PDB file of N, CA and C in Angstrom:
ATOM      1  N   MET A   1       5.563   5.185  25.935  1.00  0.00           N
ATOM      2  CA  MET A   1       3.917   4.379  24.839  1.00  0.00           C
ATOM      3  C   MET A   1       4.377   4.647  24.126  1.00  0.00           C
ATOM      4  N   THR A   2       3.541   3.257  23.034  1.00  0.00           N
ATOM      5  CA  THR A   2       4.345   3.176  21.257  1.00  0.00           C
ATOM      6  C   THR A   2       3.571   4.029  20.629  1.00  0.00           C
ATOM      7  N   GLN A   3       4.206   4.511  19.571  1.00  0.00           N
ATOM      8  CA  GLN A   3       3.429   5.103  18.982  1.00  0.00           C
ATOM      9  C   GLN A   3       2.178   4.123  18.012  1.00  0.00           C
ATOM     10  N   GLN A   4       1.505   4.491  17.350  1.00  0.00           N
ATOM     11  CA  GLN A   4       0.500   3.076  17.047  1.00  0.00           C
ATOM     12  C   GLN A   4       0.865   3.654  15.450  1.00  0.00           C
ATOM     13  N   HIS A   5      -0.178   2.069  14.739  1.00  0.00           N
ATOM     14  CA  HIS A   5       0.434   3.192  13.057  1.00  0.00           C
ATOM     15  C   HIS A   5      -0.728   3.523  12.226  1.00  0.00           C
ATOM     16  N   THR A   6      -0.664   3.518  11.563  1.00  0.00           N
ATOM     17  CA  THR A   6      -2.058   4.383  10.672  1.00  0.00           C
ATOM     18  C   THR A   6      -3.282   3.895  10.377  1.00  0.00           C
ATOM     19  N   PRO A   7      -4.377   4.100  10.787  1.00  0.00           N
ATOM     20  CA  PRO A   7      -5.185   2.900  11.423  1.00  0.00           C
ATOM     21  C   PRO A   7      -5.971   2.466  10.134  1.00  0.00           C
ATOM     22  N   LEU A   8      -6.342   1.470  10.224  1.00  0.00           N
ATOM     23  CA  LEU A   8      -7.423   0.300   9.428  1.00  0.00           C
ATOM     24  C   LEU A   8      -8.537   0.801   8.953  1.00  0.00           C
ATOM     25  N   PRO A   9      -8.686   0.619   7.954  1.00  0.00           N
ATOM     26  CA  PRO A   9      -8.598  -0.622   6.927  1.00  0.00           C
ATOM     27  C   PRO A   9      -7.948   0.847   5.360  1.00  0.00           C
ATOM     28  N   TRP A  10      -6.167  -0.026   5.192  1.00  0.00           N
ATOM     29  CA  TRP A  10      -5.554   1.145   4.747  1.00  0.00           C
ATOM     30  C   TRP A  10      -6.454   0.679   2.584  1.00  0.00           C
ATOM     31  N   HIS A  11      -5.327   1.025   1.881  1.00  0.00           N
ATOM     32  CA  HIS A  11      -6.058   1.876   0.491  1.00  0.00           C
ATOM     33  C   HIS A  11      -4.831   2.244  -0.448  1.00  0.00           C
ATOM     34  N   THR A  12      -5.535   1.389  -1.566  1.00  0.00           N
ATOM     35  CA  THR A  12      -4.284   2.356  -2.389  1.00  0.00           C
ATOM     36  C   THR A  12      -4.793   3.124  -3.102  1.00  0.00           C
ATOM     37  N   GLY A  13      -4.021   3.779  -4.501  1.00  0.00           N
ATOM     38  CA  GLY A  13      -4.613   4.396  -5.185  1.00  0.00           C
ATOM     39  C   GLY A  13      -3.688   5.469  -6.017  1.00  0.00           C
ATOM     40  N   GLN A  14      -3.608   5.703  -7.248  1.00  0.00           N
ATOM     41  CA  GLN A  14      -3.001   6.697  -8.178  1.00  0.00           C
ATOM     42  C   GLN A  14      -2.769   8.051  -7.520  1.00  0.00           C
ATOM     43  N   ALA A  15      -1.017   7.909  -7.327  1.00  0.00           N
ATOM     44  CA  ALA A  15      -0.193   9.930  -6.889  1.00  0.00           C
ATOM     45  C   ALA A  15      -0.695   9.757  -7.780  1.00  0.00           C
ATOM     46  N   GLY A  16       0.620   9.487  -9.002  1.00  0.00           N
ATOM     47  CA  GLY A  16       0.413  10.348  -9.996  1.00  0.00           C
ATOM     48  C   GLY A  16       1.649   9.846 -10.802  1.00  0.00           C
ATOM     49  N   GLU A  17       1.923  10.518 -11.968  1.00  0.00           N
ATOM     50  CA  GLU A  17       3.632  10.667 -13.037  1.00  0.00           C
ATOM     51  C   GLU A  17       4.419  11.780 -12.493  1.00  0.00           C
ATOM     52  N   ARG A  18       5.436  12.223 -12.227  1.00  0.00           N
ATOM     53  CA  ARG A  18       6.509  12.813 -12.085  1.00  0.00           C
ATOM     54  C   ARG A  18       7.682  11.757 -13.391  1.00  0.00           C
ATOM     55  N   ILE A  19       8.306  13.284 -13.799  1.00  0.00           N
ATOM     56  CA  ILE A  19       9.090  13.279 -14.612  1.00  0.00           C
ATOM     57  C   ILE A  19       9.467  11.531 -15.516  1.00  0.00           C
ATOM     58  N   ALA A  20      10.304  11.096 -14.555  1.00  0.00           N
ATOM     59  CA  ALA A  20      10.729  10.228 -14.791  1.00  0.00           C
ATOM     60  C   ALA A  20      10.239   8.223 -14.401  1.00  0.00           C
ATOM     61  N   PHE A  21       9.436   8.713 -13.136  1.00  0.00           N
ATOM     62  CA  PHE A  21       8.485   7.785 -12.648  1.00  0.00           C
ATOM     63  C   PHE A  21       7.005   7.947 -12.306  1.00  0.00           C
ATOM     64  N   ALA A  22       6.386   6.884 -11.741  1.00  0.00           N
ATOM     65  CA  ALA A  22       4.608   6.549 -11.729  1.00  0.00           C
ATOM     66  C   ALA A  22       4.967   6.466 -10.068  1.00  0.00           C
ATOM     67  N   ASP A  23       3.586   6.782  -9.238  1.00  0.00           N
ATOM     68  CA  ASP A  23       3.687   5.504  -8.295  1.00  0.00           C
ATOM     69  C   ASP A  23       2.049   5.343  -8.097  1.00  0.00           C
ATOM     70  N   THR A  24       1.929   4.344  -6.863  1.00  0.00           N
ATOM     71  CA  THR A  24       0.573   3.778  -6.722  1.00  0.00           C
ATOM     72  C   THR A  24       1.169   3.570  -4.658  1.00  0.00           C
ATOM     73  N   HIS A  25       0.152   4.840  -4.588  1.00  0.00           N
ATOM     74  CA  HIS A  25       0.294   5.829  -3.412  1.00  0.00           C
ATOM     75  C   HIS A  25      -1.292   4.561  -1.937  1.00  0.00           C
ATOM     76  N   ILE A  26      -0.723   3.812  -1.591  1.00  0.00           N
ATOM     77  CA  ILE A  26      -0.831   3.136  -0.260  1.00  0.00           C
ATOM     78  C   ILE A  26      -1.750   4.656   1.303  1.00  0.00           C
ATOM     79  N   THR A  27      -2.649   4.165   1.140  1.00  0.00           N
ATOM     80  CA  THR A  27      -3.386   5.502   2.713  1.00  0.00           C
ATOM     81  C   THR A  27      -4.471   4.702   3.142  1.00  0.00           C
ATOM     82  N   GLY A  28      -4.201   5.323   5.099  1.00  0.00           N
ATOM     83  CA  GLY A  28      -4.639   4.943   6.014  1.00  0.00           C
ATOM     84  C   GLY A  28      -6.503   5.436   5.903  1.00  0.00           C
ATOM     85  N   ALA A  29      -6.942   5.152   6.842  1.00  0.00           N
ATOM     86  CA  ALA A  29      -7.931   5.172   6.358  1.00  0.00           C
ATOM     87  C   ALA A  29      -8.579   6.544   7.016  1.00  0.00           C
ATOM     88  N   ASN A  30      -7.754   7.085   7.672  1.00  0.00           N
ATOM     89  CA  ASN A  30      -7.987   8.496   7.987  1.00  0.00           C
ATOM     90  C   ASN A  30      -7.251   9.308   6.721  1.00  0.00           C
ATOM     91  N   GLY A  31      -6.810   8.979   5.986  1.00  0.00           N
ATOM     92  CA  GLY A  31      -6.809   9.251   4.849  1.00  0.00           C
ATOM     93  C   GLY A  31      -5.129  10.189   4.027  1.00  0.00           C
ATOM     94  N   ARG A  32      -4.460   9.456   5.270  1.00  0.00           N
ATOM     95  CA  ARG A  32      -2.972   9.779   5.143  1.00  0.00           C
ATOM     96  C   ARG A  32      -1.472   9.008   4.724  1.00  0.00           C
ATOM     97  N   PRO A  33      -1.022   9.970   3.575  1.00  0.00           N
ATOM     98  CA  PRO A  33       0.061   8.162   2.655  1.00  0.00           C
ATOM     99  C   PRO A  33       1.035   7.885   4.159  1.00  0.00           C
ATOM    100  N   VAL A  34       1.001   6.581   3.816  1.00  0.00           N
ATOM    101  CA  VAL A  34       1.416   5.239   4.529  1.00  0.00           C
ATOM    102  C   VAL A  34       2.673   4.271   3.897  1.00  0.00           C
ATOM    103  N   ALA A  35       2.781   4.500   2.121  1.00  0.00           N
ATOM    104  CA  ALA A  35       3.855   4.033   1.701  1.00  0.00           C
ATOM    105  C   ALA A  35       3.247   4.218  -0.207  1.00  0.00           C
ATOM    106  N   SER A  36       4.273   4.552  -0.360  1.00  0.00           N
ATOM    107  CA  SER A  36       4.437   4.266  -2.164  1.00  0.00           C
ATOM    108  C   SER A  36       5.281   2.724  -2.954  1.00  0.00           C
ATOM    109  N   THR A  37       5.045   2.400  -4.029  1.00  0.00           N
ATOM    110  CA  THR A  37       4.938   1.586  -4.974  1.00  0.00           C
ATOM    111  C   THR A  37       5.323   2.316  -6.168  1.00  0.00           C
ATOM    112  N   ILE A  38       6.846   2.408  -6.535  1.00  0.00           N
ATOM    113  CA  ILE A  38       7.278   2.708  -7.429  1.00  0.00           C
ATOM    114  C   ILE A  38       7.208   2.134  -8.419  1.00  0.00           C
ATOM    115  N   TYR A  39       7.330   2.881 -10.417  1.00  0.00           N
ATOM    116  CA  TYR A  39       8.387   2.456 -10.747  1.00  0.00           C
ATOM    117  C   TYR A  39       8.503   3.043 -12.266  1.00  0.00           C
ATOM    118  N   PRO A  40       9.326   3.622 -12.901  1.00  0.00           N
ATOM    119  CA  PRO A  40       9.637   3.732 -14.133  1.00  0.00           C
ATOM    120  C   PRO A  40       8.681   3.809 -15.239  1.00  0.00           C
ATOM    121  N   LEU A  41       8.228   5.405 -15.803  1.00  0.00           N
ATOM    122  CA  LEU A  41       7.806   5.310 -16.569  1.00  0.00           C
ATOM    123  C   LEU A  41       7.937   4.767 -17.532  1.00  0.00           C
ATOM    124  N   ALA A  42       9.193   4.485 -17.993  1.00  0.00           N
ATOM    125  CA  ALA A  42       9.955   4.435 -19.880  1.00  0.00           C
ATOM    126  C   ALA A  42       9.634   2.304 -19.409  1.00  0.00           C
ATOM    127  N   LYS A  43       9.423   1.327 -18.551  1.00  0.00           N
ATOM    128  CA  LYS A  43       8.950   1.164 -17.801  1.00  0.00           C
ATOM    129  C   LYS A  43       7.330   0.714 -17.836  1.00  0.00           C
ATOM    130  N   SER A  44       5.850   0.856 -18.957  1.00  0.00           N
ATOM    131  CA  SER A  44       4.803   1.218 -18.270  1.00  0.00           C
ATOM    132  C   SER A  44       3.588  -0.552 -18.059  1.00  0.00           C
ATOM    133  N   ASN A  45       5.436  -1.151 -19.068  1.00  0.00           N
ATOM    134  CA  ASN A  45       4.292  -3.338 -18.606  1.00  0.00           C
ATOM    135  C   ASN A  45       5.028  -3.174 -17.547  1.00  0.00           C
ATOM    136  N   TRP A  46       5.893  -2.526 -16.677  1.00  0.00           N
ATOM    137  CA  TRP A  46       5.361  -2.169 -14.957  1.00  0.00           C
ATOM    138  C   TRP A  46       4.119  -2.000 -14.609  1.00  0.00           C
ATOM    139  N   ARG A  47       3.482  -1.234 -14.794  1.00  0.00           N
ATOM    140  CA  ARG A  47       2.403  -0.490 -14.116  1.00  0.00           C
ATOM    141  C   ARG A  47       1.506  -1.666 -13.551  1.00  0.00           C
ATOM    142  N   SER A  48       0.883  -2.968 -14.058  1.00  0.00           N
ATOM    143  CA  SER A  48       0.706  -3.733 -13.171  1.00  0.00           C
ATOM    144  C   SER A  48      -0.085  -4.436 -12.336  1.00  0.00           C
ATOM    145  N   GLU A  49       2.329  -4.881 -12.159  1.00  0.00           N
ATOM    146  CA  GLU A  49       3.404  -5.242 -11.536  1.00  0.00           C
ATOM    147  C   GLU A  49       3.049  -4.244  -9.588  1.00  0.00           C
ATOM    148  N   ASP A  50       3.309  -2.959  -9.692  1.00  0.00           N
ATOM    149  CA  ASP A  50       3.085  -2.544  -9.439  1.00  0.00           C
ATOM    150  C   ASP A  50       2.153  -1.861  -9.042  1.00  0.00           C
ATOM    151  N   GLU A  51       0.887  -2.331  -9.481  1.00  0.00           N
ATOM    152  CA  GLU A  51      -0.668  -2.233  -8.588  1.00  0.00           C
ATOM    153  C   GLU A  51      -0.752  -3.230  -7.738  1.00  0.00           C
ATOM    154  N   ALA A  52      -0.463  -4.604  -8.474  1.00  0.00           N
ATOM    155  CA  ALA A  52      -0.392  -5.807  -7.956  1.00  0.00           C
ATOM    156  C   ALA A  52       0.427  -5.792  -6.576  1.00  0.00           C
ATOM    157  N   ASN A  53       1.423  -5.425  -6.216  1.00  0.00           N
ATOM    158  CA  ASN A  53       2.070  -4.714  -5.321  1.00  0.00           C
ATOM    159  C   ASN A  53       1.580  -3.763  -4.463  1.00  0.00           C
ATOM    160  N   ALA A  54       1.645  -2.993  -4.765  1.00  0.00           N
ATOM    161  CA  ALA A  54       0.035  -2.580  -3.847  1.00  0.00           C
ATOM    162  C   ALA A  54      -0.581  -3.356  -2.490  1.00  0.00           C
ATOM    163  N   GLU A  55      -1.529  -3.728  -4.023  1.00  0.00           N
ATOM    164  CA  GLU A  55      -2.738  -4.406  -3.403  1.00  0.00           C
ATOM    165  C   GLU A  55      -1.983  -5.959  -2.505  1.00  0.00           C
ATOM    166  N   PHE A  56      -1.496  -6.058  -2.832  1.00  0.00           N
ATOM    167  CA  PHE A  56      -0.508  -7.378  -1.701  1.00  0.00           C
ATOM    168  C   PHE A  56      -0.877  -6.339  -0.422  1.00  0.00           C
ATOM    169  N   ILE A  57       0.318  -5.764  -0.172  1.00  0.00           N
ATOM    170  CA  ILE A  57       0.522  -4.620   0.768  1.00  0.00           C
ATOM    171  C   ILE A  57      -0.547  -4.654   1.456  1.00  0.00           C
ATOM    172  N   VAL A  58      -0.901  -3.838   1.252  1.00  0.00           N
ATOM    173  CA  VAL A  58      -2.753  -3.488   1.638  1.00  0.00           C
ATOM    174  C   VAL A  58      -3.282  -4.749   2.180  1.00  0.00           C
ATOM    175  N   GLN A  59      -3.866  -5.788   1.210  1.00  0.00           N
ATOM    176  CA  GLN A  59      -4.550  -7.093   1.495  1.00  0.00           C
ATOM    177  C   GLN A  59      -3.634  -8.029   3.069  1.00  0.00           C
ATOM    178  N   ALA A  60      -2.579  -7.825   3.007  1.00  0.00           N
ATOM    179  CA  ALA A  60      -1.444  -8.487   4.216  1.00  0.00           C
ATOM    180  C   ALA A  60      -2.433  -7.815   5.406  1.00  0.00           C
ATOM    181  N   VAL A  61      -1.882  -6.357   5.367  1.00  0.00           N
ATOM    182  CA  VAL A  61      -1.696  -5.149   6.795  1.00  0.00           C
ATOM    183  C   VAL A  61      -2.810  -5.733   7.453  1.00  0.00           C
ATOM    184  N   ASN A  62      -4.156  -5.064   6.132  1.00  0.00           N
ATOM    185  CA  ASN A  62      -5.424  -5.483   6.729  1.00  0.00           C
ATOM    186  C   ASN A  62      -6.289  -6.649   6.958  1.00  0.00           C
ATOM    187  N   ALA A  63      -5.505  -8.357   6.751  1.00  0.00           N
ATOM    188  CA  ALA A  63      -5.159  -9.076   7.666  1.00  0.00           C
ATOM    189  C   ALA A  63      -4.775  -9.223   8.674  1.00  0.00           C
ATOM    190  N   HIS A  64      -3.886  -8.625   9.143  1.00  0.00           N
ATOM    191  CA  HIS A  64      -2.961  -8.532  10.802  1.00  0.00           C
ATOM    192  C   HIS A  64      -3.735  -9.465  11.520  1.00  0.00           C
ATOM    193  N   ASP A  65      -4.525  -8.349  11.855  1.00  0.00           N
ATOM    194  CA  ASP A  65      -5.804  -8.869  13.211  1.00  0.00           C
ATOM    195  C   ASP A  65      -6.269  -9.603  12.655  1.00  0.00           C
ATOM    196  N   ASP A  66      -6.621  -9.738  11.955  1.00  0.00           N
ATOM    197  CA  ASP A  66      -6.986 -11.602  11.724  1.00  0.00           C
ATOM    198  C   ASP A  66      -6.505 -12.826  11.888  1.00  0.00           C
ATOM    199  N   LEU A  67      -5.314 -12.328  11.363  1.00  0.00           N
ATOM    200  CA  LEU A  67      -4.026 -13.569  11.068  1.00  0.00           C
ATOM    201  C   LEU A  67      -3.784 -14.083  12.420  1.00  0.00           C
ATOM    202  N   LEU A  68      -3.379 -12.371  13.238  1.00  0.00           N
ATOM    203  CA  LEU A  68      -3.038 -12.745  14.727  1.00  0.00           C
ATOM    204  C   LEU A  68      -3.860 -13.296  15.571  1.00  0.00           C
ATOM    205  N   ALA A  69      -5.049 -13.596  15.267  1.00  0.00           N
ATOM    206  CA  ALA A  69      -6.304 -14.431  16.007  1.00  0.00           C
ATOM    207  C   ALA A  69      -5.911 -15.498  15.881  1.00  0.00           C
ATOM    208  N   ALA A  70      -6.315 -15.713  14.678  1.00  0.00           N
ATOM    209  CA  ALA A  70      -6.069 -17.405  14.313  1.00  0.00           C
ATOM    210  C   ALA A  70      -4.902 -18.056  14.546  1.00  0.00           C
ATOM    211  N   LEU A  71      -4.091 -17.582  14.789  1.00  0.00           N
ATOM    212  CA  LEU A  71      -2.302 -17.738  15.343  1.00  0.00           C
ATOM    213  C   LEU A  71      -2.881 -18.336  16.308  1.00  0.00           C
ATOM    214  N   GLU A  72      -2.901 -17.421  17.209  1.00  0.00           N
ATOM    215  CA  GLU A  72      -3.202 -17.431  18.908  1.00  0.00           C
ATOM    216  C   GLU A  72      -4.313 -18.225  19.095  1.00  0.00           C
ATOM    217  N   ALA A  73      -5.172 -18.747  18.943  1.00  0.00           N
ATOM    218  CA  ALA A  73      -6.500 -19.297  18.613  1.00  0.00           C
ATOM    219  C   ALA A  73      -5.734 -20.684  19.539  1.00  0.00           C
TER     220      ALA A  73
END
Protein backbone atom coordinates (compact mmCIF):
# COMPACT_ATOMS: atom_id res chain seq x y z
CA MET A 1 0.00 0.00 0.00
CA THR A 2 1.21 3.51 -0.81
CA GLN A 3 1.60 6.01 2.02
CA GLN A 4 -0.97 8.80 1.84
CA HIS A 5 0.07 12.45 1.99
CA THR A 6 -0.93 14.74 4.85
CA PRO A 7 -4.67 15.51 4.64
CA LEU A 8 -5.82 18.61 2.75
CA PRO A 9 -6.33 21.49 3.00
CA TRP A 10 -2.86 22.67 3.94
CA HIS A 11 -2.31 26.02 5.68
CA THR A 12 0.51 28.45 6.43
CA GLY A 13 1.47 30.01 9.72
CA GLN A 14 4.39 31.75 11.35
CA ALA A 15 6.61 29.31 13.17
CA GLY A 16 8.85 31.87 14.82
CA GLU A 17 12.35 33.16 14.79
CA ARG A 18 15.59 31.48 15.71
CA ILE A 19 19.06 32.93 16.15
CA ALA A 20 19.73 33.52 12.45
CA PHE A 21 16.59 32.43 10.60
CA ALA A 22 12.81 32.76 10.65
CA ASP A 23 10.38 30.46 8.94
CA THR A 24 6.83 30.02 7.77
CA HIS A 25 5.38 26.59 8.49
CA ILE A 26 3.06 24.67 6.19
CA THR A 27 0.70 22.35 8.07
CA GLY A 28 -1.88 19.79 7.04
CA ALA A 29 -5.56 19.74 8.00
CA ASN A 30 -4.58 17.58 10.96
CA GLY A 31 -2.22 20.30 12.22
CA ARG A 32 0.93 18.29 11.57
CA PRO A 33 3.88 20.16 10.01
CA VAL A 34 4.51 19.35 6.35
CA ALA A 35 7.22 21.84 5.33
CA SER A 36 8.78 25.21 6.11
CA THR A 37 10.08 28.08 4.03
CA ILE A 38 13.06 29.78 5.68
CA TYR A 39 14.73 33.18 5.35
CA PRO A 40 17.70 34.74 7.16
CA LEU A 41 16.81 37.38 9.75
CA ALA A 42 19.57 39.58 8.35
CA LYS A 43 17.45 39.78 5.19
CA SER A 44 14.19 40.85 6.83
CA ASN A 45 13.03 42.24 3.47
CA TRP A 46 12.81 38.58 2.36
CA ARG A 47 9.95 37.88 4.78
CA SER A 48 7.16 38.85 2.38
CA GLU A 49 8.68 36.68 -0.36
CA ASP A 50 9.04 33.79 2.10
CA GLU A 51 5.39 34.07 3.10
CA ALA A 52 4.33 34.36 -0.56
CA ASN A 53 6.31 31.20 -1.40
CA ALA A 54 4.61 29.29 1.40
CA GLU A 55 1.17 30.51 0.24
CA PHE A 56 1.99 29.52 -3.36
CA ILE A 57 2.96 26.00 -2.29
CA VAL A 58 -0.25 25.67 -0.26
CA GLN A 59 -2.42 26.94 -3.13
CA ALA A 60 -0.82 24.48 -5.56
CA VAL A 61 -1.24 21.54 -3.20
CA ASN A 62 -4.85 22.41 -2.34
CA ALA A 63 -5.73 22.81 -6.05
CA HIS A 64 -4.15 19.50 -7.08
CA ASP A 65 -7.30 17.37 -7.10
CA ASP A 66 -9.32 19.94 -9.08
CA LEU A 67 -6.50 20.45 -11.59
CA LEU A 68 -6.09 16.70 -12.07
CA ALA A 69 -9.84 16.28 -12.59
CA ALA A 70 -9.84 19.08 -15.20
CA LEU A 71 -6.99 17.41 -17.10
CA GLU A 72 -8.72 14.05 -17.06
CA ALA A 73 -12.07 15.48 -18.24
